[in-house]
Structures are given as structure tokens and as C-alpha cells.
Amino acid sequence: MTRPNFLWSRRSLVRRGVAFSGAGAFFAAGFASGMASAQGAKIAPAVAHYQAIPKGKATCENCSSFVSPSACKVVSGDIAPTGWCMLYAAKR
């Protein structure tokens, strides 16, 4: 007897859950970034998951929110040009 198409395996449910939670985090970060910019408030580095080391080629100095020499339009505090956070948006 064959299984109906509507039954999902545990593996497919986990994969879909991970994909949806990742997408949710991505959109929440974008929403938080837009809200902070609109209100003039900045997000704490811990909330933005800021780190002083780059994530691959993504660095703060390559981000559209970076303000030279060591500031950010979205994240508060001292920002290293070689740093990175989850709100990173590459310059166009």
C-alpha cells in the first residue's frame, strides 16, 4: 500500500521548519533595520549579533549602513570597519 502524498517525513518537516525560521529571522532583521532608521533609534550590538570580525567577504566597511570611520546608521556604539552583523546590506 502506498502512502498518501499529504504525509511528510520528520526530515522534511525539520527542513521546512529550519527554512521558515531562517526566512523569519531575515525578514525580522530587515524590519528592525527599517524601524530603527525611520525612528532615528539604533539597535544594540548584541541584538544585531554584531561581531568585530568579518563574516567572509562581508564587512561593515562594505555595508550600506556603515559611517566612516567607526559608526553605523543602524547599530549603536563603536563599529569596526572589519566587523559584521546580521543587518549587513552590501553597498550597491
N, C-alpha and C. Protein backbone atom coordinates (compact mmCIF):
# COMPACT_ATOMS: atom_id res chain seq x y z
N MET A 1 0.84 -1.17 0.00
CA MET A 1 0.00 0.00 0.00
C MET A 1 0.89 1.24 0.00
N THR A 2 0.55 2.22 -0.80
CA THR A 2 1.36 3.44 -0.88
C THR A 2 0.86 4.47 0.13
N ARG A 3 1.80 5.30 0.52
CA ARG A 3 1.45 6.36 1.47
C ARG A 3 0.81 7.53 0.73
N PRO A 4 -0.18 8.18 1.32
CA PRO A 4 -0.78 9.36 0.69
C PRO A 4 0.27 10.48 0.58
N ASN A 5 0.10 11.38 -0.38
CA ASN A 5 1.05 12.47 -0.61
C ASN A 5 1.08 13.50 0.51
N PHE A 6 0.04 13.59 1.30
CA PHE A 6 -0.02 14.63 2.32
C PHE A 6 0.78 14.30 3.58
N LEU A 7 1.30 13.10 3.69
CA LEU A 7 2.11 12.75 4.85
C LEU A 7 3.56 13.15 4.60
N TRP A 8 4.12 13.88 5.56
CA TRP A 8 5.51 14.33 5.43
C TRP A 8 6.37 13.55 6.38
N SER A 9 7.58 13.34 5.97
CA SER A 9 8.52 12.67 6.86
C SER A 9 9.01 13.66 7.91
N ARG A 10 9.56 13.15 8.97
CA ARG A 10 10.11 14.00 10.02
C ARG A 10 11.22 14.89 9.45
N ARG A 11 12.03 14.32 8.56
CA ARG A 11 13.13 15.07 7.96
C ARG A 11 12.61 16.26 7.15
N SER A 12 11.56 16.05 6.36
CA SER A 12 11.04 17.16 5.56
C SER A 12 10.41 18.23 6.45
N LEU A 13 9.78 17.84 7.54
CA LEU A 13 9.23 18.82 8.48
C LEU A 13 10.33 19.64 9.13
N VAL A 14 11.44 19.00 9.50
CA VAL A 14 12.56 19.73 10.10
C VAL A 14 13.15 20.70 9.09
N ARG A 15 13.34 20.24 7.86
CA ARG A 15 13.90 21.11 6.83
C ARG A 15 13.00 22.33 6.59
N ARG A 16 11.72 22.10 6.50
CA ARG A 16 10.79 23.21 6.29
C ARG A 16 10.79 24.15 7.49
N GLY A 17 10.87 23.59 8.69
CA GLY A 17 10.91 24.43 9.89
C GLY A 17 12.15 25.30 9.93
N VAL A 18 13.29 24.73 9.56
CA VAL A 18 14.54 25.50 9.53
C VAL A 18 14.45 26.59 8.46
N ALA A 19 13.92 26.26 7.31
CA ALA A 19 13.80 27.24 6.24
C ALA A 19 12.87 28.39 6.65
N PHE A 20 11.73 28.07 7.25
CA PHE A 20 10.81 29.11 7.67
C PHE A 20 11.38 29.97 8.79
N SER A 21 12.08 29.37 9.73
CA SER A 21 12.66 30.17 10.82
C SER A 21 13.78 31.05 10.30
N GLY A 22 14.57 30.55 9.34
CA GLY A 22 15.62 31.38 8.74
C GLY A 22 15.04 32.55 7.98
N ALA A 23 13.98 32.30 7.23
CA ALA A 23 13.31 33.37 6.49
C ALA A 23 12.70 34.38 7.46
N GLY A 24 12.13 33.89 8.55
CA GLY A 24 11.56 34.78 9.55
C GLY A 24 12.61 35.68 10.18
N ALA A 25 13.78 35.13 10.48
CA ALA A 25 14.86 35.92 11.06
C ALA A 25 15.35 36.97 10.07
N PHE A 26 15.43 36.59 8.80
CA PHE A 26 15.87 37.52 7.76
C PHE A 26 14.90 38.70 7.65
N PHE A 27 13.61 38.42 7.59
CA PHE A 27 12.63 39.50 7.47
C PHE A 27 12.54 40.33 8.75
N ALA A 28 12.69 39.70 9.90
CA ALA A 28 12.67 40.44 11.17
C ALA A 28 13.85 41.40 11.23
N ALA A 29 15.02 40.96 10.75
CA ALA A 29 16.20 41.82 10.74
C ALA A 29 15.97 43.02 9.83
N GLY A 30 15.40 42.78 8.68
CA GLY A 30 15.09 43.87 7.75
C GLY A 30 14.07 44.83 8.33
N PHE A 31 13.07 44.30 9.00
CA PHE A 31 12.05 45.13 9.63
C PHE A 31 12.66 45.96 10.75
N ALA A 32 13.49 45.35 11.58
CA ALA A 32 14.14 46.07 12.68
C ALA A 32 15.05 47.16 12.14
N SER A 33 15.75 46.87 11.06
CA SER A 33 16.63 47.85 10.44
C SER A 33 15.82 49.04 9.93
N GLY A 34 14.70 48.76 9.27
CA GLY A 34 13.86 49.83 8.75
C GLY A 34 13.23 50.64 9.86
N MET A 35 12.80 50.01 10.93
CA MET A 35 12.21 50.71 12.05
C MET A 35 13.24 51.60 12.74
N ALA A 36 14.45 51.11 12.92
CA ALA A 36 15.48 51.90 13.58
C ALA A 36 15.82 53.12 12.74
N SER A 37 15.92 52.95 11.43
CA SER A 37 16.24 54.07 10.56
C SER A 37 15.11 55.09 10.55
N ALA A 38 13.88 54.62 10.52
CA ALA A 38 12.73 55.51 10.47
C ALA A 38 12.57 56.31 11.75
N GLN A 39 12.90 55.73 12.88
CA GLN A 39 12.71 56.40 14.15
C GLN A 39 13.97 57.10 14.65
N GLY A 40 15.09 56.91 13.99
CA GLY A 40 16.32 57.53 14.43
C GLY A 40 16.99 56.80 15.58
N ALA A 41 16.38 55.74 16.08
CA ALA A 41 16.95 54.95 17.17
C ALA A 41 17.90 53.92 16.58
N LYS A 42 18.85 53.51 17.39
CA LYS A 42 19.79 52.49 16.94
C LYS A 42 19.62 51.22 17.75
N ILE A 43 19.99 50.11 17.15
CA ILE A 43 19.88 48.79 17.77
C ILE A 43 21.16 48.49 18.53
N ALA A 44 21.03 47.83 19.65
CA ALA A 44 22.19 47.41 20.44
C ALA A 44 23.00 46.38 19.65
N PRO A 45 24.32 46.41 19.77
CA PRO A 45 25.16 45.44 19.04
C PRO A 45 24.77 43.98 19.31
N ALA A 46 24.39 43.67 20.54
CA ALA A 46 24.03 42.29 20.87
C ALA A 46 22.77 41.85 20.12
N VAL A 47 21.83 42.75 19.95
CA VAL A 47 20.59 42.43 19.24
C VAL A 47 20.87 42.18 17.76
N ALA A 48 21.80 42.95 17.20
CA ALA A 48 22.16 42.80 15.78
C ALA A 48 23.18 41.69 15.56
N HIS A 49 23.58 41.01 16.64
CA HIS A 49 24.60 39.96 16.58
C HIS A 49 25.90 40.49 15.98
N TYR A 50 26.27 41.72 16.40
CA TYR A 50 27.50 42.35 15.90
C TYR A 50 28.72 41.60 16.41
N GLN A 51 29.70 41.44 15.53
CA GLN A 51 30.98 40.85 15.91
C GLN A 51 32.07 41.69 15.25
N ALA A 52 33.21 41.84 15.91
CA ALA A 52 34.29 42.68 15.41
C ALA A 52 35.11 42.02 14.31
N ILE A 53 34.78 40.79 13.97
CA ILE A 53 35.48 40.10 12.89
C ILE A 53 34.54 39.91 11.71
N PRO A 54 35.07 39.89 10.48
CA PRO A 54 34.19 39.76 9.30
C PRO A 54 33.58 38.38 9.16
N LYS A 55 32.58 38.31 8.34
CA LYS A 55 31.96 37.03 8.00
C LYS A 55 32.18 36.84 6.51
N GLY A 56 33.28 36.16 6.20
CA GLY A 56 33.66 36.01 4.80
C GLY A 56 34.08 37.36 4.23
N LYS A 57 33.54 37.70 3.07
CA LYS A 57 33.85 38.98 2.44
C LYS A 57 32.94 40.10 2.93
N ALA A 58 31.95 39.76 3.73
CA ALA A 58 31.00 40.75 4.25
C ALA A 58 31.62 41.46 5.45
N THR A 59 31.90 42.74 5.30
CA THR A 59 32.45 43.54 6.40
C THR A 59 31.63 44.82 6.53
N CYS A 60 31.74 45.45 7.67
CA CYS A 60 31.00 46.68 7.91
C CYS A 60 31.35 47.77 6.90
N GLU A 61 32.64 47.88 6.54
CA GLU A 61 33.02 48.93 5.61
C GLU A 61 32.43 48.70 4.21
N ASN A 62 31.95 47.50 3.92
CA ASN A 62 31.27 47.21 2.65
C ASN A 62 29.76 47.28 2.79
N CYS A 63 29.27 47.69 3.95
CA CYS A 63 27.83 47.75 4.23
C CYS A 63 27.28 49.14 3.93
N SER A 64 26.06 49.20 3.45
CA SER A 64 25.45 50.48 3.12
C SER A 64 25.12 51.31 4.36
N SER A 65 25.11 50.70 5.54
CA SER A 65 24.80 51.43 6.77
C SER A 65 26.05 51.94 7.50
N PHE A 66 27.24 51.59 7.03
CA PHE A 66 28.47 51.98 7.72
C PHE A 66 28.77 53.45 7.48
N VAL A 67 29.16 54.15 8.58
CA VAL A 67 29.55 55.55 8.52
C VAL A 67 31.01 55.62 8.97
N SER A 68 31.89 56.01 8.05
CA SER A 68 33.32 56.06 8.34
C SER A 68 33.61 57.11 9.40
N PRO A 69 34.50 56.94 10.32
CA PRO A 69 35.46 55.86 10.43
C PRO A 69 35.00 54.68 11.28
N SER A 70 34.06 54.90 12.22
CA SER A 70 33.70 53.77 13.10
C SER A 70 32.28 53.86 13.65
N ALA A 71 31.32 54.11 12.77
CA ALA A 71 29.93 54.22 13.21
C ALA A 71 29.01 53.49 12.23
N CYS A 72 27.75 53.37 12.64
CA CYS A 72 26.75 52.69 11.82
C CYS A 72 25.44 53.46 11.93
N LYS A 73 24.66 53.48 10.86
CA LYS A 73 23.36 54.14 10.87
C LYS A 73 22.33 53.35 11.67
N VAL A 74 22.57 52.05 11.86
CA VAL A 74 21.58 51.17 12.46
C VAL A 74 21.99 50.64 13.82
N VAL A 75 23.28 50.30 13.99
CA VAL A 75 23.78 49.69 15.22
C VAL A 75 24.51 50.76 16.05
N SER A 76 24.26 50.80 17.34
CA SER A 76 24.87 51.79 18.21
C SER A 76 26.29 51.38 18.62
N GLY A 77 27.05 52.35 19.09
CA GLY A 77 28.39 52.08 19.61
C GLY A 77 29.48 52.17 18.56
N ASP A 78 30.71 51.86 19.01
CA ASP A 78 31.86 51.83 18.11
C ASP A 78 31.78 50.61 17.20
N ILE A 79 31.93 50.82 15.91
CA ILE A 79 31.83 49.75 14.93
C ILE A 79 33.16 49.63 14.19
N ALA A 80 33.74 48.45 14.20
CA ALA A 80 34.99 48.21 13.49
C ALA A 80 34.72 48.07 11.99
N PRO A 81 35.53 48.69 11.13
CA PRO A 81 35.33 48.54 9.69
C PRO A 81 35.41 47.07 9.24
N THR A 82 36.13 46.25 9.99
CA THR A 82 36.25 44.83 9.65
C THR A 82 35.20 43.98 10.35
N GLY A 83 34.24 44.60 11.03
CA GLY A 83 33.21 43.87 11.75
C GLY A 83 32.10 43.38 10.84
N TRP A 84 31.08 42.78 11.45
CA TRP A 84 29.92 42.26 10.71
C TRP A 84 28.75 42.12 11.67
N CYS A 85 27.52 42.27 11.18
CA CYS A 85 26.31 41.96 11.95
C CYS A 85 25.26 41.40 11.01
N MET A 86 24.17 40.88 11.58
CA MET A 86 23.15 40.23 10.76
C MET A 86 22.34 41.22 9.94
N LEU A 87 22.52 42.51 10.15
CA LEU A 87 21.81 43.52 9.37
C LEU A 87 22.63 43.99 8.17
N TYR A 88 23.71 43.28 7.88
CA TYR A 88 24.60 43.64 6.78
C TYR A 88 23.83 43.73 5.47
N ALA A 89 24.06 44.83 4.75
CA ALA A 89 23.48 45.03 3.42
C ALA A 89 24.58 45.60 2.53
N ALA A 90 25.00 44.86 1.55
CA ALA A 90 26.11 45.26 0.69
C ALA A 90 25.82 46.59 -0.01
N LYS A 91 26.88 47.41 -0.17
CA LYS A 91 26.74 48.66 -0.91
C LYS A 91 26.47 48.32 -2.37
N ARG A 92 25.69 49.15 -3.01
CA ARG A 92 25.38 48.92 -4.44
C ARG A 92 26.29 49.70 -5.32
